[in-house]
Amino acid sequence: MKLKLTNISNLDRFFNAVGQCSGAVEMNLPQGGYVNLKSKLSQYHALATVFSGGNIDEIDITTHNSKDSERLFLYMVQGR
């Protein structure tokens, strides 16, 4: 399922929510392709190159498990 998340200011909580997902969580790149956000190495790379100022204004994510989509949706609803 494709999700668009916006205005993420607490990256630790965001990556914690991603880490609790049971399936793959992929950040879709604007130029095509994706980054596996469950990989710590990918998280560090994304923090260094994609996210600016410690905030995520907007991110497109693909999950492959409906429970994971629900988990990330609840993360956005309950607070960032």
N, C-alpha and C. Protein backbone atom coordinates (compact mmCIF):
# COMPACT_ATOMS: atom_id res chain seq x y z
N MET A 1 0.84 -1.17 0.00
CA MET A 1 0.00 0.00 0.00
C MET A 1 0.89 1.24 0.00
N LYS A 2 0.51 2.21 -0.80
CA LYS A 2 1.28 3.45 -0.87
C LYS A 2 0.71 4.46 0.12
N LEU A 3 1.60 5.12 0.85
CA LEU A 3 1.22 6.13 1.83
C LEU A 3 2.02 7.39 1.58
N LYS A 4 1.43 8.53 1.87
CA LYS A 4 2.16 9.80 1.83
C LYS A 4 2.09 10.37 3.24
N LEU A 5 3.25 10.47 3.89
CA LEU A 5 3.32 11.01 5.24
C LEU A 5 3.91 12.41 5.16
N THR A 6 3.42 13.31 6.01
CA THR A 6 3.89 14.70 5.97
C THR A 6 4.24 15.20 7.37
N ASN A 7 5.08 16.22 7.38
CA ASN A 7 5.43 16.97 8.59
C ASN A 7 5.91 16.08 9.73
N ILE A 8 6.90 15.26 9.46
CA ILE A 8 7.47 14.39 10.49
C ILE A 8 8.64 15.14 11.12
N SER A 9 8.52 15.43 12.40
CA SER A 9 9.57 16.20 13.06
C SER A 9 10.38 15.36 14.05
N ASN A 10 9.87 14.24 14.49
CA ASN A 10 10.60 13.38 15.42
C ASN A 10 11.04 12.12 14.68
N LEU A 11 12.25 12.16 14.15
CA LEU A 11 12.72 11.05 13.32
C LEU A 11 12.94 9.78 14.13
N ASP A 12 13.32 9.91 15.40
CA ASP A 12 13.49 8.72 16.24
C ASP A 12 12.18 7.96 16.37
N ARG A 13 11.10 8.67 16.64
CA ARG A 13 9.79 8.02 16.76
C ARG A 13 9.34 7.44 15.42
N PHE A 14 9.63 8.15 14.33
CA PHE A 14 9.27 7.65 13.01
C PHE A 14 10.00 6.34 12.71
N PHE A 15 11.33 6.33 12.92
CA PHE A 15 12.08 5.11 12.62
C PHE A 15 11.75 3.99 13.61
N ASN A 16 11.33 4.33 14.81
CA ASN A 16 10.85 3.32 15.77
C ASN A 16 9.58 2.67 15.24
N ALA A 17 8.65 3.49 14.74
CA ALA A 17 7.41 2.95 14.15
C ALA A 17 7.72 2.06 12.95
N VAL A 18 8.65 2.50 12.11
CA VAL A 18 9.06 1.69 10.95
C VAL A 18 9.66 0.37 11.42
N GLY A 19 10.49 0.43 12.46
CA GLY A 19 11.14 -0.78 12.96
C GLY A 19 10.18 -1.79 13.53
N GLN A 20 9.01 -1.35 13.98
CA GLN A 20 8.01 -2.27 14.53
C GLN A 20 7.19 -2.96 13.44
N CYS A 21 7.33 -2.52 12.22
CA CYS A 21 6.60 -3.15 11.11
C CYS A 21 7.17 -4.53 10.83
N SER A 22 6.31 -5.46 10.45
CA SER A 22 6.77 -6.83 10.21
C SER A 22 7.27 -7.04 8.79
N GLY A 23 6.80 -6.26 7.85
CA GLY A 23 7.21 -6.41 6.46
C GLY A 23 8.11 -5.26 6.01
N ALA A 24 8.40 -5.23 4.74
CA ALA A 24 9.24 -4.19 4.17
C ALA A 24 8.52 -2.84 4.20
N VAL A 25 9.30 -1.79 4.48
CA VAL A 25 8.82 -0.41 4.42
C VAL A 25 9.81 0.33 3.53
N GLU A 26 9.32 0.79 2.39
CA GLU A 26 10.21 1.38 1.39
C GLU A 26 9.86 2.85 1.15
N MET A 27 10.90 3.69 1.14
CA MET A 27 10.74 5.08 0.77
C MET A 27 10.91 5.17 -0.74
N ASN A 28 9.90 5.67 -1.42
CA ASN A 28 9.96 5.81 -2.87
C ASN A 28 10.74 7.07 -3.22
N LEU A 29 11.75 6.91 -4.06
CA LEU A 29 12.60 8.03 -4.45
C LEU A 29 12.00 8.76 -5.65
N PRO A 30 12.12 10.09 -5.69
CA PRO A 30 11.55 10.87 -6.79
C PRO A 30 12.10 10.46 -8.16
N GLN A 31 13.37 10.06 -8.21
CA GLN A 31 13.98 9.69 -9.48
C GLN A 31 13.74 8.24 -9.85
N GLY A 32 12.94 7.56 -9.04
CA GLY A 32 12.66 6.14 -9.27
C GLY A 32 13.42 5.29 -8.28
N GLY A 33 12.96 4.11 -8.08
CA GLY A 33 13.58 3.21 -7.12
C GLY A 33 13.07 3.47 -5.72
N TYR A 34 13.71 2.83 -4.76
CA TYR A 34 13.28 2.94 -3.38
C TYR A 34 14.44 2.67 -2.44
N VAL A 35 14.25 3.03 -1.17
CA VAL A 35 15.20 2.75 -0.10
C VAL A 35 14.45 1.98 0.98
N ASN A 36 15.03 0.88 1.43
CA ASN A 36 14.45 0.06 2.49
C ASN A 36 14.66 0.77 3.83
N LEU A 37 13.60 1.32 4.40
CA LEU A 37 13.71 2.08 5.64
C LEU A 37 13.88 1.21 6.88
N LYS A 38 13.77 -0.09 6.76
CA LYS A 38 13.99 -0.97 7.91
C LYS A 38 15.47 -1.26 8.10
N SER A 39 16.28 -0.99 7.12
CA SER A 39 17.72 -1.20 7.21
C SER A 39 18.36 0.00 7.92
N LYS A 40 19.13 -0.27 8.96
CA LYS A 40 19.81 0.81 9.69
C LYS A 40 20.74 1.59 8.77
N LEU A 41 21.45 0.89 7.90
CA LEU A 41 22.35 1.56 6.97
C LEU A 41 21.57 2.49 6.05
N SER A 42 20.43 2.04 5.56
CA SER A 42 19.59 2.89 4.71
C SER A 42 19.05 4.08 5.49
N GLN A 43 18.72 3.88 6.76
CA GLN A 43 18.24 4.99 7.59
C GLN A 43 19.32 6.06 7.72
N TYR A 44 20.54 5.65 8.00
CA TYR A 44 21.64 6.63 8.13
C TYR A 44 21.88 7.34 6.81
N HIS A 45 21.86 6.59 5.72
CA HIS A 45 22.05 7.19 4.40
C HIS A 45 20.93 8.19 4.11
N ALA A 46 19.69 7.80 4.40
CA ALA A 46 18.56 8.69 4.15
C ALA A 46 18.66 9.96 5.00
N LEU A 47 19.06 9.81 6.26
CA LEU A 47 19.20 10.97 7.13
C LEU A 47 20.25 11.93 6.59
N ALA A 48 21.33 11.38 6.04
CA ALA A 48 22.42 12.22 5.55
C ALA A 48 22.12 12.88 4.21
N THR A 49 21.31 12.24 3.38
CA THR A 49 21.16 12.74 2.02
C THR A 49 19.77 13.22 1.64
N VAL A 50 18.74 12.68 2.25
CA VAL A 50 17.38 12.96 1.81
C VAL A 50 16.67 13.95 2.73
N PHE A 51 16.80 13.75 4.03
CA PHE A 51 16.07 14.58 4.98
C PHE A 51 16.89 15.82 5.29
N SER A 52 16.23 16.95 5.44
CA SER A 52 16.95 18.18 5.73
C SER A 52 16.49 18.78 7.04
N GLY A 53 17.43 19.25 7.82
CA GLY A 53 17.10 19.93 9.05
C GLY A 53 16.42 19.07 10.10
N GLY A 54 16.55 17.76 10.00
CA GLY A 54 15.94 16.89 10.99
C GLY A 54 14.44 16.73 10.85
N ASN A 55 13.88 17.19 9.76
CA ASN A 55 12.44 17.08 9.52
C ASN A 55 12.18 16.43 8.17
N ILE A 56 11.02 15.81 8.07
CA ILE A 56 10.57 15.28 6.79
C ILE A 56 9.31 16.04 6.43
N ASP A 57 9.37 16.85 5.39
CA ASP A 57 8.19 17.60 4.97
C ASP A 57 7.16 16.68 4.34
N GLU A 58 7.65 15.76 3.49
CA GLU A 58 6.75 14.83 2.81
C GLU A 58 7.55 13.61 2.38
N ILE A 59 6.96 12.45 2.56
CA ILE A 59 7.64 11.22 2.18
C ILE A 59 6.60 10.24 1.63
N ASP A 60 6.95 9.60 0.53
CA ASP A 60 6.10 8.57 -0.07
C ASP A 60 6.66 7.22 0.34
N ILE A 61 5.81 6.40 0.91
CA ILE A 61 6.22 5.10 1.44
C ILE A 61 5.34 4.01 0.84
N THR A 62 5.94 2.86 0.63
CA THR A 62 5.20 1.67 0.23
C THR A 62 5.38 0.61 1.30
N THR A 63 4.26 0.04 1.75
CA THR A 63 4.31 -1.10 2.65
C THR A 63 3.70 -2.30 1.92
N HIS A 64 4.05 -3.49 2.37
CA HIS A 64 3.56 -4.69 1.71
C HIS A 64 2.69 -5.52 2.65
N ASN A 65 2.26 -4.91 3.73
CA ASN A 65 1.47 -5.60 4.74
C ASN A 65 0.45 -4.59 5.27
N SER A 66 -0.81 -4.94 5.27
CA SER A 66 -1.85 -3.99 5.68
C SER A 66 -1.70 -3.59 7.15
N LYS A 67 -1.23 -4.48 8.00
CA LYS A 67 -1.01 -4.14 9.41
C LYS A 67 0.08 -3.08 9.55
N ASP A 68 1.09 -3.15 8.70
CA ASP A 68 2.15 -2.14 8.73
C ASP A 68 1.62 -0.78 8.29
N SER A 69 0.75 -0.78 7.29
CA SER A 69 0.13 0.49 6.86
C SER A 69 -0.68 1.08 7.99
N GLU A 70 -1.44 0.23 8.70
CA GLU A 70 -2.22 0.70 9.84
C GLU A 70 -1.31 1.26 10.93
N ARG A 71 -0.20 0.59 11.20
CA ARG A 71 0.74 1.04 12.23
C ARG A 71 1.29 2.43 11.89
N LEU A 72 1.68 2.64 10.65
CA LEU A 72 2.22 3.95 10.26
C LEU A 72 1.14 5.01 10.23
N PHE A 73 -0.08 4.64 9.85
CA PHE A 73 -1.18 5.59 9.89
C PHE A 73 -1.45 6.01 11.33
N LEU A 74 -1.47 5.06 12.26
CA LEU A 74 -1.68 5.39 13.67
C LEU A 74 -0.55 6.25 14.20
N TYR A 75 0.68 5.99 13.77
CA TYR A 75 1.80 6.85 14.15
C TYR A 75 1.52 8.30 13.77
N MET A 76 1.03 8.50 12.55
CA MET A 76 0.75 9.87 12.09
C MET A 76 -0.41 10.49 12.87
N VAL A 77 -1.42 9.72 13.19
CA VAL A 77 -2.59 10.24 13.90
C VAL A 77 -2.26 10.54 15.36
N GLN A 78 -1.48 9.68 16.00
CA GLN A 78 -1.21 9.82 17.42
C GLN A 78 -0.15 10.84 17.75
N GLY A 79 0.57 11.29 16.78
CA GLY A 79 1.58 12.30 17.05
C GLY A 79 2.91 11.97 16.42
N ARG A 80 3.62 13.03 16.13
CA ARG A 80 4.90 12.88 15.45
C ARG A 80 5.97 13.21 16.42
